[in-house]
Amino acid sequence: GIVDDTPYFFHSLYDASIDVDETAAISVREGTYVIEETLTSSSTGTIGQRYTLSQKGVYTDSVHVYVYEDGVTKVEWDYVNNVNNLPAGVAGFSVYKNANEEIEVVFGNRYSGRIPPVGAKITATYVRCSGSAGNLTANVVDGFYATVDNGLAVTSSTAMTGGADSENVDSIKRSVKSVISTQSRLVTLNDFVS
């Protein structure tokens, strides 16, 4: 869809098979693909390497990292929740959001995971969302980005919901009290009052 000359792209969350004469509802997620962004053109080979993605609003589950270990062939490394839990020598990475709302890609330290080889190019492919701006009204999505030759068409779309902007300082101040008071313990009546 295009709103005020700004294009918004939606991606299917799963593969769908639809007969030409049928109608089907397909779940989508808003976002723009960033393809093979270069994180470094020459890895330092040091432990705990960290690289920041250039875009904010990244779906962390969409990040794919490629290491050109021999300088030519890209090898996809595995995403893990915590790189510190990887066995030694396993090619993996984790992603973390820093205080500036930036996404950092973090590699291992020889004892946990692998270190990208010295001089290796490292790239990332991911999807960044538009936050609340991607919550479009019904019937704004009106076609496919890529050419579809088999007669499929978008006939209608529901309103897009769920997109949210990053939390600001004021909202963090309001919510942090309740989050801290309920962590790993029983909740009291005073907690509910707070």
Protein backbone atom coordinates (compact mmCIF):
# COMPACT_ATOMS: atom_id res chain seq x y z
CA GLY A 1 0.00 0.00 0.00
CA ILE A 2 1.03 3.64 -0.48
CA VAL A 3 0.01 6.36 1.97
CA ASP A 4 1.09 9.98 1.45
CA ASP A 5 3.61 8.80 -1.18
CA THR A 6 5.23 6.41 1.35
CA PRO A 7 5.22 2.75 0.30
CA TYR A 8 4.48 0.10 2.92
CA PHE A 9 5.36 -3.52 2.23
CA PHE A 10 3.71 -6.54 3.82
CA HIS A 11 5.17 -10.04 3.83
CA SER A 12 3.38 -13.33 4.29
CA LEU A 13 4.32 -15.11 7.48
CA TYR A 14 4.08 -18.51 5.80
CA ASP A 15 3.88 -20.15 2.38
CA ALA A 16 0.36 -20.31 0.98
CA SER A 17 -1.10 -22.38 -1.80
CA ILE A 18 -4.23 -20.92 -3.42
CA ASP A 19 -6.20 -22.16 -6.39
CA VAL A 20 -6.90 -19.47 -9.00
CA ASP A 21 -10.68 -19.60 -8.47
CA GLU A 22 -10.48 -19.43 -4.66
CA THR A 23 -10.29 -16.66 -2.11
CA ALA A 24 -8.00 -16.93 0.91
CA ALA A 25 -7.02 -14.77 3.86
CA ILE A 26 -3.28 -14.50 4.34
CA SER A 27 -1.60 -13.18 7.50
CA VAL A 28 1.10 -10.62 6.82
CA ARG A 29 3.67 -8.52 8.65
CA GLU A 30 4.69 -5.01 7.60
CA GLY A 31 8.31 -4.29 6.90
CA THR A 32 11.04 -3.50 4.42
CA TYR A 33 13.80 -6.00 3.69
CA VAL A 34 17.40 -4.90 4.12
CA ILE A 35 19.44 -7.31 2.00
CA GLU A 36 23.03 -8.22 2.87
CA GLU A 37 23.96 -5.07 4.77
CA THR A 38 27.73 -5.16 5.31
CA LEU A 39 28.47 -5.21 9.03
CA THR A 40 32.22 -5.35 8.42
CA SER A 41 34.34 -5.95 5.36
CA SER A 42 37.18 -7.35 7.49
CA SER A 43 36.52 -9.16 10.76
CA THR A 44 39.06 -8.44 13.50
CA GLY A 45 39.11 -12.06 14.69
CA THR A 46 38.77 -10.90 18.30
CA ILE A 47 36.47 -12.45 20.87
CA GLY A 48 32.95 -11.10 21.44
CA GLN A 49 32.68 -9.12 18.21
CA ARG A 50 29.62 -6.80 18.09
CA TYR A 51 28.20 -5.04 15.05
CA THR A 52 25.25 -2.62 14.97
CA LEU A 53 22.60 -2.83 12.26
CA SER A 54 22.06 0.48 10.46
CA GLN A 55 18.26 0.43 10.81
CA LYS A 56 16.05 0.66 13.88
CA GLY A 57 12.69 -1.06 14.29
CA VAL A 58 14.14 -4.44 13.33
CA TYR A 59 12.22 -7.67 13.83
CA THR A 60 14.89 -9.55 15.76
CA ASP A 61 13.52 -12.90 14.55
CA SER A 62 14.14 -11.82 10.95
CA VAL A 63 17.92 -11.32 11.27
CA HIS A 64 20.09 -13.66 9.16
CA VAL A 65 23.87 -13.32 9.37
CA TYR A 66 26.34 -14.47 6.73
CA VAL A 67 30.10 -14.81 7.21
CA TYR A 68 32.33 -15.05 4.13
CA GLU A 69 34.75 -17.36 5.89
CA ASP A 70 36.97 -18.04 2.87
CA GLY A 71 36.50 -14.52 1.48
CA VAL A 72 34.19 -15.73 -1.32
CA THR A 73 31.52 -18.16 -0.12
CA LYS A 74 28.90 -16.92 2.32
CA VAL A 75 28.00 -19.22 5.20
CA GLU A 76 24.83 -18.57 7.18
CA TRP A 77 25.45 -18.69 10.92
CA ASP A 78 22.69 -19.82 13.28
CA TYR A 79 20.66 -17.45 15.44
CA VAL A 80 20.56 -18.38 19.14
CA ASN A 81 18.91 -16.62 22.07
CA ASN A 82 22.18 -16.35 24.00
CA VAL A 83 25.54 -16.83 22.32
CA ASN A 84 27.08 -17.53 25.74
CA ASN A 85 25.18 -20.83 25.87
CA LEU A 86 26.66 -22.15 22.61
CA PRO A 87 29.17 -25.00 22.74
CA ALA A 88 32.70 -24.05 21.70
CA GLY A 89 33.24 -23.99 17.94
CA VAL A 90 29.56 -23.64 16.93
CA ALA A 91 28.90 -20.93 14.32
CA GLY A 92 26.18 -18.82 15.89
CA PHE A 93 25.19 -15.29 16.86
CA SER A 94 22.72 -13.48 19.09
CA VAL A 95 20.96 -10.15 18.69
CA TYR A 96 20.45 -7.60 21.46
CA LYS A 97 18.76 -4.22 21.58
CA ASN A 98 20.99 -1.57 23.17
CA ALA A 99 19.93 1.57 25.08
CA ASN A 100 19.73 3.54 21.83
CA GLU A 101 17.14 1.10 20.39
CA GLU A 102 19.78 -0.24 17.98
CA ILE A 103 20.14 -3.94 17.26
CA GLU A 104 23.59 -5.41 17.86
CA VAL A 105 24.76 -8.70 16.37
CA VAL A 106 27.05 -10.48 18.85
CA PHE A 107 29.42 -13.39 18.18
CA GLY A 108 31.13 -15.93 20.44
CA ASN A 109 34.39 -16.01 22.34
CA ARG A 110 35.99 -19.42 21.55
CA TYR A 111 34.60 -20.99 24.75
CA SER A 112 31.03 -20.16 23.78
CA GLY A 113 30.44 -20.30 20.04
CA ARG A 114 32.84 -19.40 17.28
CA ILE A 115 34.68 -16.24 16.35
CA PRO A 116 34.40 -15.06 12.74
CA PRO A 117 37.78 -15.55 11.03
CA VAL A 118 40.22 -12.66 10.66
CA GLY A 119 39.50 -10.65 7.52
CA ALA A 120 36.07 -12.22 6.89
CA LYS A 121 33.28 -10.09 5.46
CA ILE A 122 30.09 -10.24 7.59
CA THR A 123 26.65 -9.28 6.26
CA ALA A 124 23.10 -9.28 7.63
CA THR A 125 19.69 -9.55 5.99
CA TYR A 126 16.67 -8.49 8.05
CA VAL A 127 13.28 -6.79 8.06
CA ARG A 128 12.68 -3.35 9.60
CA CYS A 129 9.17 -2.22 10.40
CA SER A 130 7.59 1.22 10.30
CA GLY A 131 6.14 0.98 13.80
CA SER A 132 2.72 2.53 14.28
CA ALA A 133 2.95 4.17 10.83
CA GLY A 134 2.42 0.69 9.36
CA ASN A 135 -1.03 0.42 10.97
CA LEU A 136 -2.88 1.18 7.74
CA THR A 137 -6.62 1.41 7.23
CA ALA A 138 -8.64 -1.28 5.47
CA ASN A 139 -8.22 -1.79 1.72
CA VAL A 140 -4.97 0.16 1.42
CA VAL A 141 -3.02 -2.95 0.41
CA ASP A 142 -3.96 -3.29 -3.21
CA GLY A 143 -1.44 -5.44 -5.03
CA PHE A 144 1.68 -7.52 -5.15
CA TYR A 145 5.15 -5.97 -5.20
CA ALA A 146 6.46 -8.66 -7.53
CA THR A 147 4.72 -9.48 -10.77
CA VAL A 148 2.18 -12.27 -10.40
CA ASP A 149 1.49 -13.98 -13.73
CA ASN A 150 -1.12 -16.49 -12.67
CA GLY A 151 -4.15 -14.23 -12.20
CA LEU A 152 -3.95 -13.79 -8.42
CA ALA A 153 -5.04 -10.40 -7.11
CA VAL A 154 -5.58 -8.59 -3.84
CA THR A 155 -9.31 -7.88 -3.64
CA SER A 156 -9.43 -6.38 -0.15
CA SER A 157 -7.40 -5.98 3.01
CA THR A 158 -8.36 -5.56 6.63
CA ALA A 159 -6.97 -2.75 8.74
CA MET A 160 -3.37 -3.39 9.74
CA THR A 161 -2.86 -3.39 13.52
CA GLY A 162 -0.20 -4.20 16.07
CA GLY A 163 2.61 -1.93 14.88
CA ALA A 164 4.10 0.04 17.76
CA ASP A 165 6.83 2.62 18.13
CA SER A 166 9.69 2.21 20.59
CA GLU A 167 8.91 3.04 24.18
CA ASN A 168 9.85 6.60 25.18
CA VAL A 169 11.41 7.73 28.47
CA ASP A 170 8.09 8.87 29.99
CA SER A 171 6.35 5.55 29.35
CA ILE A 172 9.36 3.64 30.71
CA LYS A 173 9.20 5.69 33.93
CA ARG A 174 5.52 4.79 34.30
CA SER A 175 5.88 1.09 33.58
CA VAL A 176 9.21 0.14 35.17
CA LYS A 177 7.82 0.24 38.72
CA SER A 178 5.25 -2.46 38.02
CA VAL A 179 7.72 -4.60 36.07
CA ILE A 180 10.32 -4.56 38.83
CA SER A 181 7.79 -5.18 41.61
CA THR A 182 6.45 -8.37 39.97
CA GLN A 183 9.67 -10.09 38.95
CA SER A 184 10.17 -13.58 40.36
CA ARG A 185 7.98 -13.17 43.46
CA LEU A 186 4.42 -13.24 44.66
CA VAL A 187 2.30 -10.20 43.84
CA THR A 188 0.72 -8.39 46.79
CA LEU A 189 -2.30 -6.08 47.00
CA ASN A 190 0.10 -3.10 47.25
CA ASP A 191 1.71 -4.17 43.95
CA PHE A 192 -1.69 -3.93 42.26
CA VAL A 193 -2.21 -0.46 43.79
CA SER A 194 1.18 0.65 42.41
